[in-house]
Amino acid sequence: MTFAQRFIGAETLPARMSELDVQQFFSLSKHDISGVCERFRDDRRVAAAIQLLFLRASGRPMDRFATVPKVLLRSVCEASGSLSVSIASLRSLYERRQTLYEHQAWARMYLGLGDLDEVQLQKLEQVLAVAALEAAHPDDLVRTARIWLYSRRIIIPGSRRIADWARKAFDATEAAMAATIEAAIGKAALRQAIDWAYAPSPATSGSHLEWLKTPPQRNAPSTTVDTLEKIRALKTLGVHNWAMDSIALEQCDRIFWTVAL
C-alpha cells in the first residue's frame, strides 16, 4: 500500500499524526467548512468535520472517538472557527447514538458515497478471483478490496466481511492450484513425494523436507556435494518431469515461501 493509500480502510484515527498527514489527508477546504457550518450548530461542527475528514480519508465511517490526534483536533478547530474542543467532549457528544448517525449520514451524502450492492459485489468477487492468482496472502486481497471500493466511492464494509471475501477468493485459488498439481503429477506420484518429504532423512536428524530447506554453507567444501545430492534425490522422485507450466510463477513463489517458513 502506498503512502497515499495508507489510511484507506482504517477503522479509527491513529494516536499520532504529523502535520504533513493533516495537510495531505485531513484538511478542510472552504467548501467543507461552509457545508459543516450550514448544517450544524457551533457545538457539533468539530465532531461532524472530523467525521467528514475520516470518511474521506478511509472510505468508511468512524464509529467512535477512541482517540483524536492533537494536531488534527487543533487544525479542525482553527479551520472551523470553533473554540478549543476536548476529546472527552467529543466522546460525550456521541454517547447519543442518534447524533453519531446523523453526522455519518451527512458526511456520506456530502461526499457522495454509497453502499455496496449485489452487482458491485459480484464485480468485486471477480476482481479478487483474478488478484488471488498473484496474492501471497489473504491480507493482500483485503487491501485490493479496500482500494477497489474506495476508488469507486463505495463505503468500505467491516473488516470481517472483507476478510471473508478475501479468504474465499484465496482458498478457491489454492484449491484450483492443488487440483492442477495433482493432475500434472498424478495421485500416486504426489503421494509418494509427500511421503518422502516427511520421512526421516539419513543426512539430518529431521525429515527430507527439512534437509532440502537447509541452506548451503558458504565456502564449505561440502556445499557442491550436498547440493548435487539434493538434486539427485529430487530427480529420483521425477520432479524434473513434472508438467507445472500451467501454474503461475507467483503461485510457485507462494508455495515456496509457505514451505520455506
Protein backbone atom coordinates (compact mmCIF):
# COMPACT_ATOMS: atom_id res chain seq x y z
CA MET A 1 0.00 0.00 0.00
CA THR A 2 1.39 3.38 -1.00
CA PHE A 3 1.82 6.47 1.15
CA ALA A 4 -1.30 7.99 -0.37
CA GLN A 5 -3.38 4.89 0.42
CA ARG A 6 -2.33 4.08 3.96
CA PHE A 7 -5.48 5.43 5.64
CA ILE A 8 -7.84 3.54 3.32
CA GLY A 9 -9.94 1.08 5.32
CA ALA A 10 -8.83 2.39 8.72
CA GLU A 11 -11.40 1.94 11.50
CA THR A 12 -10.06 4.56 13.90
CA LEU A 13 -7.79 7.55 13.83
CA PRO A 14 -4.15 6.91 14.71
CA ALA A 15 -2.91 8.04 18.10
CA ARG A 16 -0.38 10.30 16.43
CA MET A 17 -0.45 12.22 13.19
CA SER A 18 2.06 14.52 11.53
CA GLU A 19 1.44 17.99 10.18
CA LEU A 20 2.02 16.53 6.72
CA ASP A 21 -0.73 13.94 7.27
CA VAL A 22 -3.15 16.69 8.23
CA GLN A 23 -2.22 18.79 5.22
CA GLN A 24 -2.39 15.90 2.77
CA PHE A 25 -5.35 13.89 4.03
CA PHE A 26 -7.24 15.67 6.81
CA SER A 27 -7.53 19.32 5.84
CA LEU A 28 -10.84 21.14 5.43
CA SER A 29 -11.49 23.11 2.25
CA LYS A 30 -13.54 26.30 2.19
CA HIS A 31 -16.39 24.29 0.72
CA ASP A 32 -16.11 21.74 3.54
CA ILE A 33 -16.22 24.46 6.19
CA SER A 34 -19.21 26.08 4.53
CA GLY A 35 -21.05 22.76 4.39
CA VAL A 36 -20.35 21.95 8.04
CA CYS A 37 -21.31 25.43 9.26
CA GLU A 38 -24.54 25.49 7.28
CA ARG A 39 -25.64 22.09 8.56
CA PHE A 40 -24.53 22.04 12.21
CA ARG A 41 -24.59 24.39 15.15
CA ASP A 42 -21.38 25.52 16.84
CA ASP A 43 -21.06 22.72 19.40
CA ARG A 44 -21.46 20.00 16.74
CA ARG A 45 -19.21 21.30 13.98
CA VAL A 46 -15.87 19.91 15.10
CA ALA A 47 -17.23 16.38 15.53
CA ALA A 48 -19.03 16.49 12.18
CA ALA A 49 -15.93 17.85 10.46
CA ILE A 50 -13.77 15.05 11.85
CA GLN A 51 -16.33 12.50 10.67
CA LEU A 52 -16.16 14.06 7.21
CA LEU A 53 -12.36 14.04 7.11
CA PHE A 54 -12.10 10.47 8.38
CA LEU A 55 -14.66 9.15 5.91
CA ARG A 56 -12.93 10.89 3.03
CA ALA A 57 -9.51 9.52 4.00
CA SER A 58 -10.51 5.99 5.00
CA GLY A 59 -13.62 5.25 2.95
CA ARG A 60 -15.56 4.11 6.00
CA PRO A 61 -17.38 5.87 8.87
CA MET A 62 -15.80 6.28 12.27
CA ASP A 63 -18.00 4.77 14.97
CA ARG A 64 -16.24 6.20 17.99
CA PHE A 65 -13.66 8.74 19.09
CA ALA A 66 -11.17 6.33 20.64
CA THR A 67 -8.53 8.98 20.10
CA VAL A 68 -8.04 12.14 18.07
CA PRO A 69 -4.51 13.37 17.38
CA LYS A 70 -3.97 16.80 18.92
CA VAL A 71 -2.62 18.21 15.69
CA LEU A 72 -5.81 17.19 13.87
CA LEU A 73 -8.11 18.50 16.59
CA ARG A 74 -6.31 21.82 16.62
CA SER A 75 -6.43 22.08 12.83
CA VAL A 76 -10.17 21.40 12.68
CA CYS A 77 -10.94 23.87 15.47
CA GLU A 78 -8.92 26.60 13.76
CA ALA A 79 -10.36 25.93 10.31
CA SER A 80 -13.96 25.89 11.51
CA GLY A 81 -13.52 28.89 13.78
CA SER A 82 -14.57 26.86 16.81
CA LEU A 83 -13.30 27.14 20.34
CA SER A 84 -10.86 24.50 21.52
CA VAL A 85 -12.68 21.19 21.99
CA SER A 86 -11.50 18.28 24.14
CA ILE A 87 -11.60 14.64 23.14
CA ALA A 88 -13.74 13.98 26.21
CA SER A 89 -16.39 16.38 24.95
CA LEU A 90 -16.41 14.66 21.56
CA ARG A 91 -16.88 11.28 23.20
CA SER A 92 -19.66 12.68 25.36
CA LEU A 93 -21.39 14.08 22.28
CA TYR A 94 -21.52 10.66 20.64
CA GLU A 95 -22.95 8.96 23.69
CA ARG A 96 -26.18 9.89 21.98
CA ARG A 97 -26.05 7.45 19.08
CA GLN A 98 -28.54 9.41 17.04
CA THR A 99 -26.06 12.28 16.86
CA LEU A 100 -23.37 9.91 15.59
CA TYR A 101 -25.69 8.51 12.92
CA GLU A 102 -26.72 12.00 11.82
CA HIS A 103 -23.10 13.04 11.38
CA GLN A 104 -22.21 9.86 9.50
CA ALA A 105 -25.23 10.14 7.20
CA TRP A 106 -24.47 13.77 6.42
CA ALA A 107 -20.80 13.00 5.66
CA ARG A 108 -21.81 10.19 3.31
CA MET A 109 -24.27 12.39 1.48
CA TYR A 110 -21.81 15.28 1.29
CA LEU A 111 -19.10 13.04 -0.20
CA GLY A 112 -21.49 11.17 -2.47
CA LEU A 113 -20.64 7.72 -1.14
CA GLY A 114 -22.97 4.74 -1.42
CA ASP A 115 -23.35 1.20 -0.09
CA LEU A 116 -22.13 -1.90 -1.90
CA ASP A 117 -24.92 -3.56 -3.90
CA GLU A 118 -25.14 -7.09 -5.26
CA VAL A 119 -23.95 -6.18 -8.76
CA GLN A 120 -20.91 -4.39 -7.36
CA LEU A 121 -20.21 -7.30 -5.01
CA GLN A 122 -20.13 -9.70 -7.95
CA LYS A 123 -17.64 -7.42 -9.73
CA LEU A 124 -15.51 -7.25 -6.59
CA GLU A 125 -15.50 -11.03 -6.28
CA GLN A 126 -14.31 -11.26 -9.89
CA VAL A 127 -11.53 -8.77 -9.16
CA LEU A 128 -10.44 -10.74 -6.10
CA ALA A 129 -10.50 -14.01 -8.04
CA VAL A 130 -8.02 -12.56 -10.53
CA ALA A 131 -5.91 -10.88 -7.86
CA ALA A 132 -5.73 -14.14 -5.90
CA LEU A 133 -3.63 -15.65 -8.69
CA GLU A 134 -0.75 -13.40 -7.64
CA ALA A 135 -1.53 -12.89 -3.95
CA ALA A 136 0.87 -14.27 -1.38
CA HIS A 137 -1.62 -14.00 1.49
CA PRO A 138 -5.33 -13.17 2.01
CA ASP A 139 -4.24 -9.84 3.50
CA ASP A 140 -3.11 -8.82 0.01
CA LEU A 141 -6.67 -9.35 -1.20
CA VAL A 142 -8.09 -7.37 1.72
CA ARG A 143 -6.01 -4.39 0.58
CA THR A 144 -7.11 -4.94 -3.02
CA ALA A 145 -10.77 -4.97 -1.99
CA ARG A 146 -10.48 -1.81 0.09
CA ILE A 147 -8.75 0.13 -2.66
CA TRP A 148 -11.26 -1.11 -5.26
CA LEU A 149 -14.20 0.00 -3.12
CA TYR A 150 -12.59 3.31 -2.22
CA SER A 151 -11.82 4.19 -5.84
CA ARG A 152 -15.49 3.64 -6.74
CA ARG A 153 -16.83 5.77 -3.90
CA ILE A 154 -18.38 2.78 -2.16
CA ILE A 155 -18.47 2.65 1.63
CA ILE A 156 -15.93 0.06 2.80
CA PRO A 157 -17.72 -2.60 4.88
CA GLY A 158 -16.46 -4.01 8.17
CA SER A 159 -13.16 -5.87 8.33
CA ARG A 160 -14.79 -9.25 8.89
CA ARG A 161 -16.84 -9.11 5.68
CA ILE A 162 -13.85 -8.10 3.58
CA ALA A 163 -11.69 -10.76 5.22
CA ASP A 164 -14.33 -13.38 4.36
CA TRP A 165 -14.36 -12.32 0.69
CA ALA A 166 -10.56 -12.34 0.58
CA ARG A 167 -10.31 -15.76 2.20
CA LYS A 168 -12.93 -17.20 -0.15
CA ALA A 169 -11.02 -16.00 -3.22
CA PHE A 170 -7.68 -17.14 -1.82
CA ASP A 171 -8.98 -20.59 -0.85
CA ALA A 172 -10.57 -21.07 -4.27
CA THR A 173 -7.24 -20.34 -5.94
CA GLU A 174 -5.43 -22.67 -3.55
CA ALA A 175 -7.91 -25.46 -4.31
CA ALA A 176 -7.59 -24.92 -8.06
CA MET A 177 -3.80 -24.93 -7.77
CA ALA A 178 -3.86 -28.17 -5.76
CA ALA A 179 -6.07 -29.78 -8.40
CA THR A 180 -3.71 -28.60 -11.15
CA ILE A 181 -0.70 -30.04 -9.33
CA GLU A 182 -2.44 -33.36 -8.75
CA ALA A 183 -3.47 -33.56 -12.41
CA ALA A 184 0.04 -32.71 -13.60
CA ILE A 185 1.88 -35.11 -11.30
CA GLY A 186 -0.64 -37.85 -10.74
CA LYS A 187 -2.08 -39.02 -7.43
CA ALA A 188 0.38 -41.86 -6.94
CA ALA A 189 3.46 -39.74 -7.65
CA LEU A 190 2.15 -36.93 -5.50
CA ARG A 191 1.50 -39.30 -2.60
CA GLN A 192 4.98 -40.75 -2.99
CA ALA A 193 6.56 -37.28 -2.97
CA ILE A 194 4.64 -36.22 0.14
CA ASP A 195 5.54 -39.42 2.00
CA TRP A 196 9.19 -38.99 1.05
CA ALA A 197 9.24 -35.31 2.08
CA TYR A 198 8.12 -36.09 5.63
CA ALA A 199 10.10 -39.31 6.04
CA PRO A 200 13.28 -39.20 8.19
CA SER A 201 16.40 -38.16 6.32
CA PRO A 202 19.66 -40.05 6.95
CA ALA A 203 21.56 -36.82 6.26
CA THR A 204 20.00 -34.94 9.19
CA SER A 205 18.05 -35.56 12.37
CA GLY A 206 14.91 -34.25 10.67
CA SER A 207 12.83 -35.05 7.59
CA HIS A 208 13.81 -34.94 3.93
CA LEU A 209 11.90 -31.67 3.65
CA GLU A 210 13.96 -30.12 6.43
CA TRP A 211 17.09 -31.42 4.73
CA LEU A 212 16.10 -29.76 1.43
CA LYS A 213 15.44 -26.50 3.27
CA THR A 214 18.88 -26.50 4.88
CA PRO A 215 20.82 -23.61 3.29
CA PRO A 216 24.24 -24.35 1.83
CA GLN A 217 27.27 -23.41 3.90
CA ARG A 218 29.23 -20.55 2.45
CA ASN A 219 32.66 -21.50 1.11
CA ALA A 220 32.35 -25.01 2.54
CA PRO A 221 33.93 -27.84 0.50
CA SER A 222 30.83 -29.94 1.01
CA THR A 223 28.45 -27.35 -0.46
CA THR A 224 28.60 -28.66 -4.02
CA VAL A 225 28.35 -32.26 -2.88
CA ASP A 226 25.28 -31.53 -0.72
CA THR A 227 23.59 -29.57 -3.49
CA LEU A 228 24.13 -32.30 -6.06
CA GLU A 229 22.84 -34.89 -3.59
CA LYS A 230 19.61 -32.90 -3.18
CA ILE A 231 19.22 -32.63 -6.95
CA ARG A 232 19.69 -36.39 -7.34
CA ALA A 233 17.10 -37.05 -4.63
CA LEU A 234 14.56 -34.82 -6.35
CA LYS A 235 15.24 -36.38 -9.76
CA THR A 236 14.66 -39.80 -8.22
CA LEU A 237 11.14 -38.59 -7.45
CA GLY A 238 10.80 -37.45 -11.06
CA VAL A 239 10.48 -33.77 -10.17
CA HIS A 240 12.22 -32.75 -13.41
CA ASN A 241 9.41 -34.39 -15.39
CA TRP A 242 6.52 -32.70 -13.59
CA ALA A 243 4.46 -30.59 -16.02
CA MET A 244 3.92 -27.46 -13.91
CA ASP A 245 3.88 -24.85 -16.69
CA SER A 246 0.20 -24.07 -16.13
CA ILE A 247 0.89 -22.80 -12.59
CA ALA A 248 1.67 -19.09 -12.47
CA LEU A 249 5.11 -18.07 -11.27
CA GLU A 250 3.53 -16.05 -8.45
CA GLN A 251 1.76 -19.17 -7.23
CA CYS A 252 5.02 -21.11 -7.29
CA ASP A 253 6.58 -18.35 -5.20
CA ARG A 254 3.68 -18.64 -2.75
CA ILE A 255 4.26 -22.38 -2.38
CA PHE A 256 7.98 -21.84 -1.96
CA TRP A 257 7.65 -19.28 0.82
CA THR A 258 4.96 -21.32 2.56
CA VAL A 259 7.27 -24.33 2.64
CA ALA A 260 10.33 -22.23 3.48
CA LEU A 261 8.65 -20.83 6.57
